[in-house]
Amino acid sequence: MEKGKGIWHRPTPGTDWFQLIFSYGGEISDSETGKLVVDKSATMKVLQYIKKLVDLGVTPGAMSQIAWRDIHTAWTKGEVGIFLTGGSWNWAEWQRDPYNVSEEDEWKNIGWFPIPAAVKGGKPVSVSHPIVHLITQVSPHKDLAFLIVTLASDIDLNTKHALGSGHLAIRESQLAFKPYAEAKYVKEITKVLEYTNFSPNHAKAPFYWETLFEAIAGVETGEVSPEDALNFWVDRMKSELGEQVIVK
């Protein structure tokens, strides 16, 4: 395989990066207080891992500057060995234009697995990002809004969306719903949920993953060391969140 194409990842911020922190036994939120957590030890190991990938020549230093379309094209052509932060929805995405990979070829050539544990005795991990519907108290049409939310959660509509987009069911009742229960891909990918962790339900979570990615990209391009990148990220989190973040 061509140098620099062993392990690729998403070129943007996102919840997927939390998986690496989890794999090193780290935390991203505190269940008792609801505050976000900066786990310095686990994050340092993530940054060192990213640097190692570049130093070994299996990941491009300019990974964060490669367009999504180019990443998916290289992957579907078999030029990349591992897509580190892919999602279940990519399965359906690769079947559409411009990639046009048949599902038969996907089953022949593509496999998946949760992020392996990076510490002895740890567990493999994945991450889920559930979406909730909220109705504001000042809405003049709360009943209508509730009706729309109810319709949006309809079993038929969500099953159609899941099967067409490669996403998982949002309602437990869908698991026994014939079109979903008989679909080979979703039946298999659902097994990964055994290892899943949730993205934090916090208003500043996007700031968390955006600045974390800045640190990762800085290490990857060689602009900063893992130590400097970690200090940068910790300072940004403290400055923005104050007492709403726990640094450990």
C-alpha atoms as a PDB file:
ATOM      1  CA  MET A   1       0.000   0.000   0.000  1.00  0.00           C
ATOM      2  CA  GLU A   2       1.202   3.492  -0.832  1.00  0.00           C
ATOM      3  CA  LYS A   3       3.013   5.289   1.983  1.00  0.00           C
ATOM      4  CA  GLY A   4       0.706   7.608   3.898  1.00  0.00           C
ATOM      5  CA  LYS A   5      -2.435   5.623   3.084  1.00  0.00           C
ATOM      6  CA  GLY A   6      -2.404   3.003   5.824  1.00  0.00           C
ATOM      7  CA  ILE A   7      -4.723   4.763   8.286  1.00  0.00           C
ATOM      8  CA  TRP A   8      -6.921   7.719   7.382  1.00  0.00           C
ATOM      9  CA  HIS A   9      -9.481   9.560   9.483  1.00  0.00           C
ATOM     10  CA  ARG A  10     -12.099  12.270   9.189  1.00  0.00           C
ATOM     11  CA  PRO A  11     -10.546  15.667   8.276  1.00  0.00           C
ATOM     12  CA  THR A  12     -12.858  17.670  10.523  1.00  0.00           C
ATOM     13  CA  PRO A  13     -13.947  18.020  14.167  1.00  0.00           C
ATOM     14  CA  GLY A  14     -16.670  15.704  15.433  1.00  0.00           C
ATOM     15  CA  THR A  15     -17.815  13.354  18.160  1.00  0.00           C
ATOM     16  CA  ASP A  16     -15.845  10.491  16.573  1.00  0.00           C
ATOM     17  CA  TRP A  17     -12.669  11.804  18.200  1.00  0.00           C
ATOM     18  CA  PHE A  18     -14.090  10.999  21.630  1.00  0.00           C
ATOM     19  CA  GLN A  19     -13.595   7.313  20.820  1.00  0.00           C
ATOM     20  CA  LEU A  20      -9.827   7.661  21.062  1.00  0.00           C
ATOM     21  CA  ILE A  21     -10.062   9.257  24.501  1.00  0.00           C
ATOM     22  CA  PHE A  22     -12.402   6.462  25.617  1.00  0.00           C
ATOM     23  CA  SER A  23     -10.013   3.831  24.230  1.00  0.00           C
ATOM     24  CA  TYR A  24      -7.278   5.108  26.563  1.00  0.00           C
ATOM     25  CA  GLY A  25      -9.636   4.829  29.517  1.00  0.00           C
ATOM     26  CA  GLY A  26     -10.396   8.550  29.589  1.00  0.00           C
ATOM     27  CA  GLU A  27     -13.554  10.500  30.388  1.00  0.00           C
ATOM     28  CA  ILE A  28     -15.211  13.404  28.598  1.00  0.00           C
ATOM     29  CA  SER A  29     -18.023  14.224  31.014  1.00  0.00           C
ATOM     30  CA  ASP A  30     -18.928  13.838  34.685  1.00  0.00           C
ATOM     31  CA  SER A  31     -22.160  11.924  35.268  1.00  0.00           C
ATOM     32  CA  GLU A  32     -22.847  13.523  38.651  1.00  0.00           C
ATOM     33  CA  THR A  33     -22.366  17.203  37.752  1.00  0.00           C
ATOM     34  CA  GLY A  34     -22.945  17.111  33.991  1.00  0.00           C
ATOM     35  CA  LYS A  35     -19.734  19.074  33.507  1.00  0.00           C
ATOM     36  CA  LEU A  36     -17.333  18.367  30.668  1.00  0.00           C
ATOM     37  CA  VAL A  37     -14.076  16.648  31.606  1.00  0.00           C
ATOM     38  CA  VAL A  38     -10.595  17.237  30.211  1.00  0.00           C
ATOM     39  CA  ASP A  39      -8.691  14.035  30.886  1.00  0.00           C
ATOM     40  CA  LYS A  40      -5.098  15.167  30.423  1.00  0.00           C
ATOM     41  CA  SER A  41      -3.508  11.730  30.658  1.00  0.00           C
ATOM     42  CA  ALA A  42      -5.795  10.065  28.098  1.00  0.00           C
ATOM     43  CA  THR A  43      -5.688  13.052  25.741  1.00  0.00           C
ATOM     44  CA  MET A  44      -1.890  13.165  25.848  1.00  0.00           C
ATOM     45  CA  LYS A  45      -1.828   9.521  24.786  1.00  0.00           C
ATOM     46  CA  VAL A  46      -4.199  10.303  21.907  1.00  0.00           C
ATOM     47  CA  LEU A  47      -1.965  13.138  20.709  1.00  0.00           C
ATOM     48  CA  GLN A  48       1.120  10.945  20.974  1.00  0.00           C
ATOM     49  CA  TYR A  49      -0.681   8.238  19.012  1.00  0.00           C
ATOM     50  CA  ILE A  50      -1.542  10.699  16.238  1.00  0.00           C
ATOM     51  CA  LYS A  51       2.094  11.823  16.076  1.00  0.00           C
ATOM     52  CA  LYS A  52       3.236   8.207  15.900  1.00  0.00           C
ATOM     53  CA  LEU A  53       0.945   7.508  12.929  1.00  0.00           C
ATOM     54  CA  VAL A  54       2.522  10.389  11.014  1.00  0.00           C
ATOM     55  CA  ASP A  55       6.066   9.494  12.094  1.00  0.00           C
ATOM     56  CA  LEU A  56       5.541   5.919  10.887  1.00  0.00           C
ATOM     57  CA  GLY A  57       4.321   7.213   7.527  1.00  0.00           C
ATOM     58  CA  VAL A  58       0.926   5.507   7.679  1.00  0.00           C
ATOM     59  CA  THR A  59      -1.095   8.735   7.994  1.00  0.00           C
ATOM     60  CA  PRO A  60      -0.481  11.947   6.000  1.00  0.00           C
ATOM     61  CA  GLY A  61       0.593  14.959   8.018  1.00  0.00           C
ATOM     62  CA  ALA A  62      -1.863  16.981   5.948  1.00  0.00           C
ATOM     63  CA  MET A  63      -4.786  14.644   6.691  1.00  0.00           C
ATOM     64  CA  SER A  64      -6.879  17.521   8.017  1.00  0.00           C
ATOM     65  CA  GLN A  65      -6.545  19.303   4.669  1.00  0.00           C
ATOM     66  CA  ILE A  66      -7.807  16.452   2.488  1.00  0.00           C
ATOM     67  CA  ALA A  67     -11.380  16.943   1.238  1.00  0.00           C
ATOM     68  CA  TRP A  68     -14.083  14.521   2.359  1.00  0.00           C
ATOM     69  CA  ARG A  69     -14.775  13.500  -1.243  1.00  0.00           C
ATOM     70  CA  ASP A  70     -11.126  12.647  -1.842  1.00  0.00           C
ATOM     71  CA  ILE A  71     -11.041  10.589   1.341  1.00  0.00           C
ATOM     72  CA  HIS A  72     -14.095   8.561   0.375  1.00  0.00           C
ATOM     73  CA  THR A  73     -12.819   8.139  -3.187  1.00  0.00           C
ATOM     74  CA  ALA A  74      -9.468   6.793  -2.016  1.00  0.00           C
ATOM     75  CA  TRP A  75     -11.209   4.491   0.434  1.00  0.00           C
ATOM     76  CA  THR A  76     -13.736   3.063  -2.033  1.00  0.00           C
ATOM     77  CA  LYS A  77     -10.942   2.445  -4.549  1.00  0.00           C
ATOM     78  CA  GLY A  78      -9.102   0.333  -1.995  1.00  0.00           C
ATOM     79  CA  GLU A  79      -6.189   2.763  -1.647  1.00  0.00           C
ATOM     80  CA  VAL A  80      -6.581   3.146   2.127  1.00  0.00           C
ATOM     81  CA  GLY A  81      -6.270   0.307   4.622  1.00  0.00           C
ATOM     82  CA  ILE A  82      -8.169   1.609   7.673  1.00  0.00           C
ATOM     83  CA  PHE A  83     -10.711   4.434   7.943  1.00  0.00           C
ATOM     84  CA  LEU A  84     -10.265   5.238  11.621  1.00  0.00           C
ATOM     85  CA  THR A  85     -13.293   7.409  12.316  1.00  0.00           C
ATOM     86  CA  GLY A  86     -15.921   6.149   9.922  1.00  0.00           C
ATOM     87  CA  GLY A  87     -19.604   5.887  10.765  1.00  0.00           C
ATOM     88  CA  SER A  88     -22.396   3.415  10.042  1.00  0.00           C
ATOM     89  CA  TRP A  89     -23.925   5.860   7.544  1.00  0.00           C
ATOM     90  CA  ASN A  90     -20.841   5.659   5.300  1.00  0.00           C
ATOM     91  CA  TRP A  91     -22.037   2.222   4.163  1.00  0.00           C
ATOM     92  CA  ALA A  92     -25.038   3.792   2.424  1.00  0.00           C
ATOM     93  CA  GLU A  93     -23.053   6.864   1.337  1.00  0.00           C
ATOM     94  CA  TRP A  94     -20.539   4.760  -0.599  1.00  0.00           C
ATOM     95  CA  GLN A  95     -23.359   3.156  -2.584  1.00  0.00           C
ATOM     96  CA  ARG A  96     -24.422   6.505  -4.011  1.00  0.00           C
ATOM     97  CA  ASP A  97     -22.933   8.796  -6.630  1.00  0.00           C
ATOM     98  CA  PRO A  98     -20.036   9.576  -7.044  1.00  0.00           C
ATOM     99  CA  TYR A  99     -18.673   6.384  -5.413  1.00  0.00           C
ATOM    100  CA  ASN A 100     -21.252   3.886  -6.681  1.00  0.00           C
ATOM    101  CA  VAL A 101     -20.005   0.846  -4.779  1.00  0.00           C
ATOM    102  CA  SER A 102     -22.496  -2.006  -4.827  1.00  0.00           C
ATOM    103  CA  GLU A 103     -23.527  -3.469  -1.490  1.00  0.00           C
ATOM    104  CA  GLU A 104     -22.290  -6.834  -2.747  1.00  0.00           C
ATOM    105  CA  ASP A 105     -18.797  -5.377  -3.206  1.00  0.00           C
ATOM    106  CA  GLU A 106     -18.979  -3.726   0.210  1.00  0.00           C
ATOM    107  CA  TRP A 107     -19.623  -7.097   1.840  1.00  0.00           C
ATOM    108  CA  LYS A 108     -16.694  -8.566  -0.085  1.00  0.00           C
ATOM    109  CA  ASN A 109     -14.169  -5.818   0.613  1.00  0.00           C
ATOM    110  CA  ILE A 110     -15.149  -3.836   3.721  1.00  0.00           C
ATOM    111  CA  GLY A 111     -15.244  -4.880   7.349  1.00  0.00           C
ATOM    112  CA  TRP A 112     -15.738  -2.885  10.530  1.00  0.00           C
ATOM    113  CA  PHE A 113     -14.922  -3.049  14.206  1.00  0.00           C
ATOM    114  CA  PRO A 114     -15.110  -0.760  17.250  1.00  0.00           C
ATOM    115  CA  ILE A 115     -12.006   1.200  18.209  1.00  0.00           C
ATOM    116  CA  PRO A 116      -9.765  -1.325  20.020  1.00  0.00           C
ATOM    117  CA  ALA A 117      -8.895  -0.771  23.669  1.00  0.00           C
ATOM    118  CA  ALA A 118      -5.585   1.090  23.908  1.00  0.00           C
ATOM    119  CA  VAL A 119      -4.891   0.020  27.498  1.00  0.00           C
ATOM    120  CA  LYS A 120      -4.472  -3.450  28.937  1.00  0.00           C
ATOM    121  CA  GLY A 121      -7.731  -4.769  30.335  1.00  0.00           C
ATOM    122  CA  GLY A 122      -9.786  -2.111  28.533  1.00  0.00           C
ATOM    123  CA  LYS A 123     -12.784  -2.621  26.254  1.00  0.00           C
ATOM    124  CA  PRO A 124     -13.288  -1.736  22.592  1.00  0.00           C
ATOM    125  CA  VAL A 125     -15.300   1.469  22.160  1.00  0.00           C
ATOM    126  CA  SER A 126     -17.575   3.293  19.771  1.00  0.00           C
ATOM    127  CA  VAL A 127     -19.488   6.527  20.199  1.00  0.00           C
ATOM    128  CA  SER A 128     -23.123   7.455  19.623  1.00  0.00           C
ATOM    129  CA  HIS A 129     -24.572  10.918  19.267  1.00  0.00           C
ATOM    130  CA  PRO A 130     -28.317  10.739  20.019  1.00  0.00           C
ATOM    131  CA  ILE A 131     -30.395  13.686  18.877  1.00  0.00           C
ATOM    132  CA  VAL A 132     -33.298  15.011  20.952  1.00  0.00           C
ATOM    133  CA  HIS A 133     -36.265  17.128  19.902  1.00  0.00           C
ATOM    134  CA  LEU A 134     -36.977  20.161  22.081  1.00  0.00           C
ATOM    135  CA  ILE A 135     -39.983  22.465  22.152  1.00  0.00           C
ATOM    136  CA  THR A 136     -39.351  25.945  23.513  1.00  0.00           C
ATOM    137  CA  GLN A 137     -41.586  27.232  26.279  1.00  0.00           C
ATOM    138  CA  VAL A 138     -42.323  30.423  24.333  1.00  0.00           C
ATOM    139  CA  SER A 139     -43.608  28.562  21.281  1.00  0.00           C
ATOM    140  CA  PRO A 140     -47.122  29.814  20.379  1.00  0.00           C
ATOM    141  CA  HIS A 141     -47.931  26.403  18.835  1.00  0.00           C
ATOM    142  CA  LYS A 142     -46.686  23.795  21.313  1.00  0.00           C
ATOM    143  CA  ASP A 143     -49.336  21.227  20.333  1.00  0.00           C
ATOM    144  CA  LEU A 144     -48.463  21.531  16.658  1.00  0.00           C
ATOM    145  CA  ALA A 145     -44.760  21.273  17.447  1.00  0.00           C
ATOM    146  CA  PHE A 146     -45.405  18.159  19.526  1.00  0.00           C
ATOM    147  CA  LEU A 147     -47.374  16.630  16.664  1.00  0.00           C
ATOM    148  CA  ILE A 148     -44.487  17.258  14.266  1.00  0.00           C
ATOM    149  CA  VAL A 149     -42.027  15.678  16.696  1.00  0.00           C
ATOM    150  CA  THR A 150     -44.338  12.669  17.067  1.00  0.00           C
ATOM    151  CA  LEU A 151     -44.567  12.272  13.300  1.00  0.00           C
ATOM    152  CA  ALA A 152     -40.799  12.625  12.983  1.00  0.00           C
ATOM    153  CA  SER A 153     -40.432   9.686  15.371  1.00  0.00           C
ATOM    154  CA  ASP A 154     -42.811   7.471  13.390  1.00  0.00           C
ATOM    155  CA  ILE A 155     -41.597   3.875  13.033  1.00  0.00           C
ATOM    156  CA  ASP A 156     -42.215   3.727   9.275  1.00  0.00           C
ATOM    157  CA  LEU A 157     -40.450   7.030   8.549  1.00  0.00           C
ATOM    158  CA  ASN A 158     -37.466   6.301  10.766  1.00  0.00           C
ATOM    159  CA  THR A 159     -37.056   2.785   9.441  1.00  0.00           C
ATOM    160  CA  LYS A 160     -37.077   4.131   5.897  1.00  0.00           C
ATOM    161  CA  HIS A 161     -34.492   6.724   6.895  1.00  0.00           C
ATOM    162  CA  ALA A 162     -32.301   4.182   8.702  1.00  0.00           C
ATOM    163  CA  LEU A 163     -32.282   1.704   5.836  1.00  0.00           C
ATOM    164  CA  GLY A 164     -31.707   4.393   3.228  1.00  0.00           C
ATOM    165  CA  SER A 165     -28.952   6.232   5.074  1.00  0.00           C
ATOM    166  CA  GLY A 166     -27.153   3.497   7.011  1.00  0.00           C
ATOM    167  CA  HIS A 167     -28.174   4.907  10.403  1.00  0.00           C
ATOM    168  CA  LEU A 168     -29.408   2.861  13.336  1.00  0.00           C
ATOM    169  CA  ALA A 169     -32.942   2.706  14.658  1.00  0.00           C
ATOM    170  CA  ILE A 170     -34.000   5.361  17.154  1.00  0.00           C
ATOM    171  CA  ARG A 171     -36.804   3.310  18.723  1.00  0.00           C
ATOM    172  CA  GLU A 172     -36.506  -0.118  20.280  1.00  0.00           C
ATOM    173  CA  SER A 173     -39.753  -1.170  18.577  1.00  0.00           C
ATOM    174  CA  GLN A 174     -38.013  -0.793  15.206  1.00  0.00           C
ATOM    175  CA  LEU A 175     -35.764  -3.749  16.026  1.00  0.00           C
ATOM    176  CA  ALA A 176     -38.730  -6.088  15.562  1.00  0.00           C
ATOM    177  CA  PHE A 177     -40.192  -4.153  12.637  1.00  0.00           C
ATOM    178  CA  LYS A 178     -39.894  -6.454   9.607  1.00  0.00           C
ATOM    179  CA  PRO A 179     -38.043  -4.205   7.106  1.00  0.00           C
ATOM    180  CA  TYR A 180     -35.442  -3.296   9.737  1.00  0.00           C
ATOM    181  CA  ALA A 181     -35.202  -6.713  11.405  1.00  0.00           C
ATOM    182  CA  GLU A 182     -34.542  -8.411   8.058  1.00  0.00           C
ATOM    183  CA  ALA A 183     -31.924  -5.933   6.808  1.00  0.00           C
ATOM    184  CA  LYS A 184     -28.539  -7.671   6.968  1.00  0.00           C
ATOM    185  CA  TYR A 185     -26.371  -4.563   7.349  1.00  0.00           C
ATOM    186  CA  VAL A 186     -28.236  -2.819  10.182  1.00  0.00           C
ATOM    187  CA  LYS A 187     -28.651  -6.159  11.964  1.00  0.00           C
ATOM    188  CA  GLU A 188     -24.879  -6.624  11.972  1.00  0.00           C
ATOM    189  CA  ILE A 189     -23.798  -3.021  12.644  1.00  0.00           C
ATOM    190  CA  THR A 190     -26.209  -2.786  15.589  1.00  0.00           C
ATOM    191  CA  LYS A 191     -23.955  -5.259  17.423  1.00  0.00           C
ATOM    192  CA  VAL A 192     -21.368  -2.478  17.782  1.00  0.00           C
ATOM    193  CA  LEU A 193     -23.735  -0.758  20.234  1.00  0.00           C
ATOM    194  CA  GLU A 194     -22.517  -3.229  22.831  1.00  0.00           C
ATOM    195  CA  TYR A 195     -19.363  -1.098  22.993  1.00  0.00           C
ATOM    196  CA  THR A 196     -20.824   2.354  22.591  1.00  0.00           C
ATOM    197  CA  ASN A 197     -20.394   5.477  24.699  1.00  0.00           C
ATOM    198  CA  PHE A 198     -22.454   8.631  24.387  1.00  0.00           C
ATOM    199  CA  SER A 199     -21.366  12.078  23.354  1.00  0.00           C
ATOM    200  CA  PRO A 200     -21.984  14.501  26.257  1.00  0.00           C
ATOM    201  CA  ASN A 201     -25.294  16.338  26.419  1.00  0.00           C
ATOM    202  CA  HIS A 202     -23.722  19.724  27.079  1.00  0.00           C
ATOM    203  CA  ALA A 203     -24.142  23.074  25.320  1.00  0.00           C
ATOM    204  CA  LYS A 204     -20.371  23.481  25.013  1.00  0.00           C
ATOM    205  CA  ALA A 205     -19.720  19.996  23.613  1.00  0.00           C
ATOM    206  CA  PRO A 206     -19.147  21.424  20.088  1.00  0.00           C
ATOM    207  CA  PHE A 207     -16.476  23.760  21.483  1.00  0.00           C
ATOM    208  CA  TYR A 208     -14.894  20.726  23.143  1.00  0.00           C
ATOM    209  CA  TRP A 209     -14.573  18.660  19.965  1.00  0.00           C
ATOM    210  CA  GLU A 210     -13.639  21.634  17.768  1.00  0.00           C
ATOM    211  CA  THR A 211     -10.714  22.714  19.948  1.00  0.00           C
ATOM    212  CA  LEU A 212      -9.683  19.093  20.514  1.00  0.00           C
ATOM    213  CA  PHE A 213      -9.432  18.706  16.751  1.00  0.00           C
ATOM    214  CA  GLU A 214      -7.339  21.870  16.508  1.00  0.00           C
ATOM    215  CA  ALA A 215      -4.888  20.243  18.909  1.00  0.00           C
ATOM    216  CA  ILE A 216      -4.906  16.980  16.949  1.00  0.00           C
ATOM    217  CA  ALA A 217      -4.407  18.720  13.596  1.00  0.00           C
ATOM    218  CA  GLY A 218      -1.588  20.836  15.036  1.00  0.00           C
ATOM    219  CA  VAL A 219       0.286  17.720  16.158  1.00  0.00           C
ATOM    220  CA  GLU A 220      -0.401  15.957  12.886  1.00  0.00           C
ATOM    221  CA  THR A 221       1.001  18.762  10.752  1.00  0.00           C
ATOM    222  CA  GLY A 222       4.034  19.054  13.002  1.00  0.00           C
ATOM    223  CA  GLU A 223       3.239  22.641  14.011  1.00  0.00           C
ATOM    224  CA  VAL A 224       3.197  21.788  17.726  1.00  0.00           C
ATOM    225  CA  SER A 225       4.325  18.972  19.997  1.00  0.00           C
ATOM    226  CA  PRO A 226       1.777  16.783  21.802  1.00  0.00           C
ATOM    227  CA  GLU A 227       2.718  18.561  25.056  1.00  0.00           C
ATOM    228  CA  ASP A 228       2.155  22.048  23.624  1.00  0.00           C
ATOM    229  CA  ALA A 229      -1.048  20.950  21.914  1.00  0.00           C
ATOM    230  CA  LEU A 230      -2.423  19.586  25.177  1.00  0.00           C
ATOM    231  CA  ASN A 231      -1.563  22.798  27.045  1.00  0.00           C
ATOM    232  CA  PHE A 232      -3.233  24.826  24.291  1.00  0.00           C
ATOM    233  CA  TRP A 233      -6.390  22.753  24.533  1.00  0.00           C
ATOM    234  CA  VAL A 234      -6.549  22.823  28.331  1.00  0.00           C
ATOM    235  CA  ASP A 235      -6.117  26.611  28.373  1.00  0.00           C
ATOM    236  CA  ARG A 236      -8.843  27.079  25.749  1.00  0.00           C
ATOM    237  CA  MET A 237     -11.261  24.876  27.656  1.00  0.00           C
ATOM    238  CA  LYS A 238     -10.593  26.641  30.973  1.00  0.00           C
ATOM    239  CA  SER A 239     -10.934  30.064  29.376  1.00  0.00           C
ATOM    240  CA  GLU A 240     -14.212  29.258  27.642  1.00  0.00           C
ATOM    241  CA  LEU A 241     -15.931  27.049  30.216  1.00  0.00           C
ATOM    242  CA  GLY A 242     -14.521  28.184  33.542  1.00  0.00           C
ATOM    243  CA  GLU A 243     -16.141  26.171  36.317  1.00  0.00           C
ATOM    244  CA  GLN A 244     -18.136  24.131  33.785  1.00  0.00           C
ATOM    245  CA  VAL A 245     -15.108  21.984  32.967  1.00  0.00           C
ATOM    246  CA  ILE A 246     -13.219  19.557  35.178  1.00  0.00           C
ATOM    247  CA  VAL A 247      -9.521  19.209  34.388  1.00  0.00           C
ATOM    248  CA  LYS A 248      -7.975  16.045  35.766  1.00  0.00           C
END
